Protein backbone atom coordinates (compact mmCIF):
# COMPACT_ATOMS: atom_id res chain seq x y z
CA UNK A 1 0.00 0.00 0.00
CA UNK A 2 1.86 3.05 -1.29
CA UNK A 3 -0.17 6.26 -1.36
CA UNK A 4 0.80 9.87 -1.94
CA UNK A 5 -0.10 11.39 1.42
CA UNK A 6 -0.54 15.15 1.82
CA UNK A 7 2.47 16.65 3.63
CA UNK A 8 3.53 17.43 6.24
CA UNK A 9 2.91 13.93 7.58
CA UNK A 10 3.17 13.29 11.32
CA UNK A 11 3.16 9.88 12.95
CA UNK A 12 2.43 8.54 16.43
CA UNK A 13 2.14 5.02 17.81
CA UNK A 14 0.72 3.33 20.88
CA UNK A 15 -1.44 6.21 22.09
CA UNK A 16 -3.89 3.78 23.73
CA UNK A 17 -6.64 6.38 23.61
CA UNK A 18 -9.68 5.93 25.86
CA UNK A 19 -7.73 3.89 28.41
CA UNK A 20 -9.89 5.45 31.16
CA UNK A 21 -13.13 6.18 29.31
CA UNK A 22 -14.39 6.17 25.74
CA UNK A 23 -15.26 9.86 26.21
CA UNK A 24 -11.65 10.96 26.75
CA UNK A 25 -10.12 10.63 23.26
CA UNK A 26 -10.59 14.29 22.28
CA UNK A 27 -8.87 15.62 25.39
CA UNK A 28 -5.99 13.21 24.84
CA UNK A 29 -5.54 14.33 21.23
CA UNK A 30 -5.80 17.98 22.24
CA UNK A 31 -2.75 17.45 24.43
CA UNK A 32 -0.89 16.59 21.22
CA UNK A 33 -2.24 19.54 19.23
CA UNK A 34 1.13 21.32 19.11
CA UNK A 35 2.55 18.32 17.24
CA UNK A 36 -0.13 17.96 14.57
CA UNK A 37 -1.73 21.41 14.21
CA UNK A 38 0.18 22.40 11.04
CA UNK A 39 0.25 18.91 9.47
CA UNK A 40 -1.88 17.61 6.60
CA UNK A 41 -1.81 13.89 7.44
CA UNK A 42 -1.71 12.06 10.75
CA UNK A 43 -0.69 8.40 10.80
CA UNK A 44 -1.76 6.40 13.85
CA UNK A 45 0.64 3.47 13.84
CA UNK A 46 -1.26 0.87 15.80
CA UNK A 47 -2.72 0.41 19.29
CA UNK A 48 -4.22 3.86 18.95
CA UNK A 49 -7.30 2.82 20.91
CA UNK A 50 -7.05 1.04 24.26
CA UNK A 51 -7.83 -2.68 24.23
CA UNK A 52 -10.48 -2.11 26.90
CA UNK A 53 -12.41 -0.18 24.25
CA UNK A 54 -11.13 -1.95 21.13
CA UNK A 55 -12.60 -5.27 22.25
CA UNK A 56 -16.06 -3.67 21.92
CA UNK A 57 -16.11 -3.56 18.14
CA UNK A 58 -19.05 -1.22 17.54
CA UNK A 59 -17.90 1.28 20.14
CA UNK A 60 -14.35 1.23 18.80
CA UNK A 61 -15.53 1.80 15.22
CA UNK A 62 -17.55 4.77 16.41
CA UNK A 63 -14.51 6.30 18.16
CA UNK A 64 -12.32 5.74 15.10
CA UNK A 65 -14.89 7.49 12.89
CA UNK A 66 -15.23 10.35 15.39
CA UNK A 67 -11.45 10.83 15.41
CA UNK A 68 -11.40 10.82 11.61
CA UNK A 69 -14.15 13.47 11.50
CA UNK A 70 -12.39 15.50 14.18
CA UNK A 71 -9.17 15.72 12.18
CA UNK A 72 -11.03 16.28 8.93
CA UNK A 73 -12.70 19.31 10.52
CA UNK A 74 -9.18 20.65 11.10
CA UNK A 75 -8.14 19.95 7.51
CA UNK A 76 -6.14 16.77 8.16
CA UNK A 77 -6.31 13.31 6.63
CA UNK A 78 -5.94 10.29 8.93
CA UNK A 79 -4.38 6.87 8.36
CA UNK A 80 -5.05 4.12 10.92
CA UNK A 81 -2.66 1.17 10.90
CA UNK A 82 -3.62 -1.90 12.90
CA UNK A 83 -1.82 -2.81 16.08
CA UNK A 84 -2.32 -5.94 18.12
CA UNK A 85 -5.16 -4.33 20.11
CA UNK A 86 -7.25 -2.50 17.51
CA UNK A 87 -6.89 -4.61 14.37
CA UNK A 88 -10.58 -5.46 14.15
CA UNK A 89 -11.41 -1.84 13.34
CA UNK A 90 -8.23 -0.99 11.39
CA UNK A 91 -8.15 -2.78 8.06
CA UNK A 92 -4.68 -1.56 7.08
CA UNK A 93 -1.68 -3.55 8.35
CA UNK A 94 1.07 -1.34 6.95
CA UNK A 95 1.75 1.75 4.88
CA UNK A 96 4.52 2.54 2.43
CA UNK A 97 5.63 6.16 2.03
CA UNK A 98 7.92 7.89 -0.49
CA UNK A 99 8.00 5.28 -3.25
CA UNK A 100 8.25 2.45 -0.73
CA UNK A 101 11.42 3.82 0.86
CA UNK A 102 9.61 4.01 4.20
CA UNK A 103 7.65 1.10 5.67
CA UNK A 104 5.27 1.99 8.50
CA UNK A 105 4.23 -1.05 10.52
CA UNK A 106 3.03 -1.35 14.10
CA UNK A 107 5.70 -3.93 14.81
CA UNK A 108 3.93 -6.90 16.39
CA UNK A 109 4.30 -8.93 13.17
CA UNK A 110 8.10 -9.00 13.50
CA UNK A 111 7.75 -11.26 16.57
CA UNK A 112 6.65 -14.84 15.91
CA UNK A 113 4.51 -14.74 19.05
CA UNK A 114 3.36 -11.12 18.41
CA UNK A 115 3.95 -10.09 22.04
CA UNK A 116 6.55 -12.42 23.61
CA UNK A 117 5.71 -11.09 27.09
CA UNK A 118 2.00 -11.87 26.72
CA UNK A 119 0.29 -14.62 28.72
CA UNK A 120 -0.88 -16.17 25.42
CA UNK A 121 2.38 -15.83 23.45
CA UNK A 122 2.83 -19.57 22.84
CA UNK A 123 -0.75 -19.99 21.62
CA UNK A 124 -0.45 -16.97 19.31
CA UNK A 125 2.76 -18.39 17.85
CA UNK A 126 1.00 -21.71 17.24
CA UNK A 127 -1.98 -20.02 15.55
CA UNK A 128 0.34 -18.04 13.26
CA UNK A 129 2.12 -21.24 12.31
CA UNK A 130 -1.19 -22.95 11.52
CA UNK A 131 -2.27 -20.00 9.39
CA UNK A 132 0.98 -20.05 7.42
CA UNK A 133 0.70 -23.81 6.93
CA UNK A 134 -2.69 -23.22 5.29
CA UNK A 135 -1.07 -20.95 2.68
CA UNK A 136 0.72 -22.49 -0.35
CA UNK A 137 4.48 -22.48 0.18
CA UNK A 138 5.02 -20.32 -2.89
CA UNK A 139 2.76 -17.57 -1.50
CA UNK A 140 3.98 -17.35 2.11
CA UNK A 141 6.94 -15.05 1.68
CA UNK A 142 4.97 -11.82 1.27
CA UNK A 143 4.35 -8.83 3.49
CA UNK A 144 0.60 -9.29 3.21
CA UNK A 145 0.74 -12.89 4.42
CA UNK A 146 3.17 -12.08 7.24
CA UNK A 147 0.96 -9.31 8.61
CA UNK A 148 -2.25 -11.26 8.00
CA UNK A 149 -0.93 -14.19 10.03
CA UNK A 150 -0.32 -11.87 12.99
CA UNK A 151 -3.77 -10.32 12.59
CA UNK A 152 -5.56 -13.67 12.33
CA UNK A 153 -3.84 -15.19 15.37
CA UNK A 154 -4.36 -12.14 17.57
CA UNK A 155 -8.01 -11.72 16.64
CA UNK A 156 -8.65 -15.39 17.40
CA UNK A 157 -7.00 -15.11 20.83
CA UNK A 158 -9.01 -12.01 21.66
CA UNK A 159 -12.24 -13.72 20.64
CA UNK A 160 -11.41 -16.72 22.80
CA UNK A 161 -10.71 -14.40 25.69
CA UNK A 162 -13.97 -12.56 25.23
CA UNK A 163 -15.85 -15.88 25.21
CA UNK A 164 -13.93 -17.51 28.05
CA UNK A 165 -13.04 -14.38 30.03
CA UNK A 166 -9.47 -15.55 30.10
CA UNK A 167 -6.45 -13.38 30.90
CA UNK A 168 -5.24 -10.86 28.37
CA UNK A 169 -4.28 -7.22 28.27
CA UNK A 170 -4.74 -5.54 31.66
CA UNK A 171 -6.20 -8.65 33.29
CA UNK A 172 -3.10 -10.70 32.42
CA UNK A 173 -0.95 -7.94 33.88
CA UNK A 174 -2.89 -8.10 37.16
CA UNK A 175 -2.72 -11.89 37.13
CA UNK A 176 1.02 -11.87 36.58
CA UNK A 177 1.56 -9.19 39.19
CA UNK A 178 0.06 -11.51 41.77
CA UNK A 179 2.51 -14.22 40.84
CA UNK A 180 6.03 -12.97 41.39
CA UNK A 181 7.82 -15.60 39.32
CA UNK A 182 5.63 -15.02 36.30
CA UNK A 183 5.99 -11.29 36.74
CA UNK A 184 9.77 -11.63 36.68
CA UNK A 185 9.55 -13.81 33.59
CA UNK A 186 7.35 -11.25 31.90
CA UNK A 187 9.78 -8.44 32.70
CA UNK A 188 12.63 -10.58 31.38
CA UNK A 189 10.77 -11.14 28.11
CA UNK A 190 9.97 -7.44 27.75
CA UNK A 191 13.65 -6.56 28.20
CA UNK A 192 14.65 -9.23 25.69
CA UNK A 193 12.15 -7.89 23.16
CA UNK A 194 13.63 -4.40 23.59
CA UNK A 195 17.04 -5.80 22.79
CA UNK A 196 16.04 -7.95 19.83
CA UNK A 197 13.39 -5.76 18.16
CA UNK A 198 15.74 -3.61 16.01
CA UNK A 199 17.47 -6.67 14.49
CA UNK A 200 14.15 -8.48 14.05
CA UNK A 201 12.80 -5.38 12.30
CA UNK A 202 15.77 -5.26 9.93
CA UNK A 203 15.42 -9.00 9.17
CA UNK A 204 11.69 -8.53 8.57
CA UNK A 205 12.42 -5.76 6.05
CA UNK A 206 15.05 -7.86 4.32
CA UNK A 207 12.57 -10.67 3.85
CA UNK A 208 9.33 -8.83 3.13
CA UNK A 209 10.22 -5.28 2.07
CA UNK A 210 13.78 -5.27 0.70
CA UNK A 211 13.07 -2.08 -1.26
CA UNK A 212 12.55 -0.07 1.95
CA UNK A 213 15.32 1.74 3.81
CA UNK A 214 13.33 2.93 6.83
CA UNK A 215 11.09 0.98 9.17
CA UNK A 216 8.89 3.03 11.49
CA UNK A 217 7.33 0.92 14.21
CA UNK A 218 6.04 0.97 17.78
CA UNK A 219 4.58 -1.91 19.82
CA UNK A 220 7.36 -2.45 22.39
CA UNK A 221 6.99 1.05 23.93
CA UNK A 222 10.77 1.42 23.77
CA UNK A 223 11.70 4.40 21.62
CA UNK A 224 14.94 4.73 19.70
CA UNK A 225 16.70 4.94 16.35
CA UNK A 226 19.03 2.18 15.16
CA UNK A 227 21.12 1.72 12.01
CA UNK A 228 21.50 -1.92 11.06
CA UNK A 229 23.43 -2.40 7.85
CA UNK A 230 21.84 -0.07 5.32
CA UNK A 231 18.51 0.07 7.13
CA UNK A 232 17.20 2.55 9.68
CA UNK A 233 14.83 1.24 12.37
CA UNK A 234 12.80 3.85 14.24
CA UNK A 235 10.60 2.96 17.20
CA UNK A 236 8.40 5.84 18.29
CA UNK A 237 7.66 4.35 21.71
CA UNK A 238 4.55 5.46 23.58
CA UNK A 239 3.28 8.41 25.58
CA UNK A 240 2.09 5.78 28.03
CA UNK A 241 4.52 3.83 30.21
CA UNK A 242 7.52 4.06 30.13
CA UNK A 243 6.78 7.48 28.54
CA UNK A 244 9.78 7.80 26.27
CA UNK A 245 7.89 8.76 23.14
CA UNK A 246 9.13 10.07 19.80
CA UNK A 247 7.14 11.39 16.89
CA UNK A 248 7.91 11.52 13.18
CA UNK A 249 7.51 14.42 10.80
CA UNK A 250 7.96 13.92 7.04
CA UNK A 251 8.09 16.94 4.73
CA UNK A 252 10.03 17.97 1.61
CA UNK A 253 11.76 14.58 1.36
CA UNK A 254 13.11 14.91 4.89
CA UNK A 255 12.21 12.60 7.77
CA UNK A 256 12.72 14.12 11.21
CA UNK A 257 12.53 12.32 14.54
CA UNK A 258 11.67 14.42 17.61
CA UNK A 259 11.27 13.65 21.27
CA UNK A 260 7.86 14.36 22.77
CA UNK A 261 8.27 16.57 25.81
CA UNK A 262 5.79 17.24 28.59
CA UNK A 263 4.96 20.85 29.39
CA UNK A 264 2.41 20.85 32.20
CA UNK A 265 -0.63 19.16 30.65
CA UNK A 266 0.52 19.50 27.05
CA UNK A 267 2.75 17.23 24.98
CA UNK A 268 5.03 19.34 22.80
CA UNK A 269 7.89 19.01 20.35
CA UNK A 270 11.18 18.41 22.10
CA UNK A 271 14.72 17.75 20.95
CA UNK A 272 15.48 16.77 17.36
CA UNK A 273 16.87 13.23 17.60
CA UNK A 274 17.68 12.42 13.96
CA UNK A 275 17.13 13.83 10.48
CA UNK A 276 17.25 11.80 7.26
CA UNK A 277 16.87 12.56 3.58
CA UNK A 278 14.34 10.29 1.91
Foldseek 3Di string as FASTA:
>chain_A
DEDAFADFEKEFEQAQPQPPHLVCRVVSVVLACQVPLPTAEYEYAENNHHLVQLLVPVSVLVSVVVVQVVVVVSNHHYAYAYALRNCVNHVHQWYAYDVNQEIEGAQLLLDLQSQQLWPCSVQLNVQLVVQLVVDPPVPCQEPVSSSVSNNVSSVVVSVVCVVVVDDGDPRVVVVQVVPVVSVVVSVVSLVVCVVCRVVSVVVSCVRHPVVYQEYEHERSLDFDWDCDPSHIYTYQHYCPPVRFGWMWTDDPQKIWIFTFDDDPSHTHTHDTDDMDGD
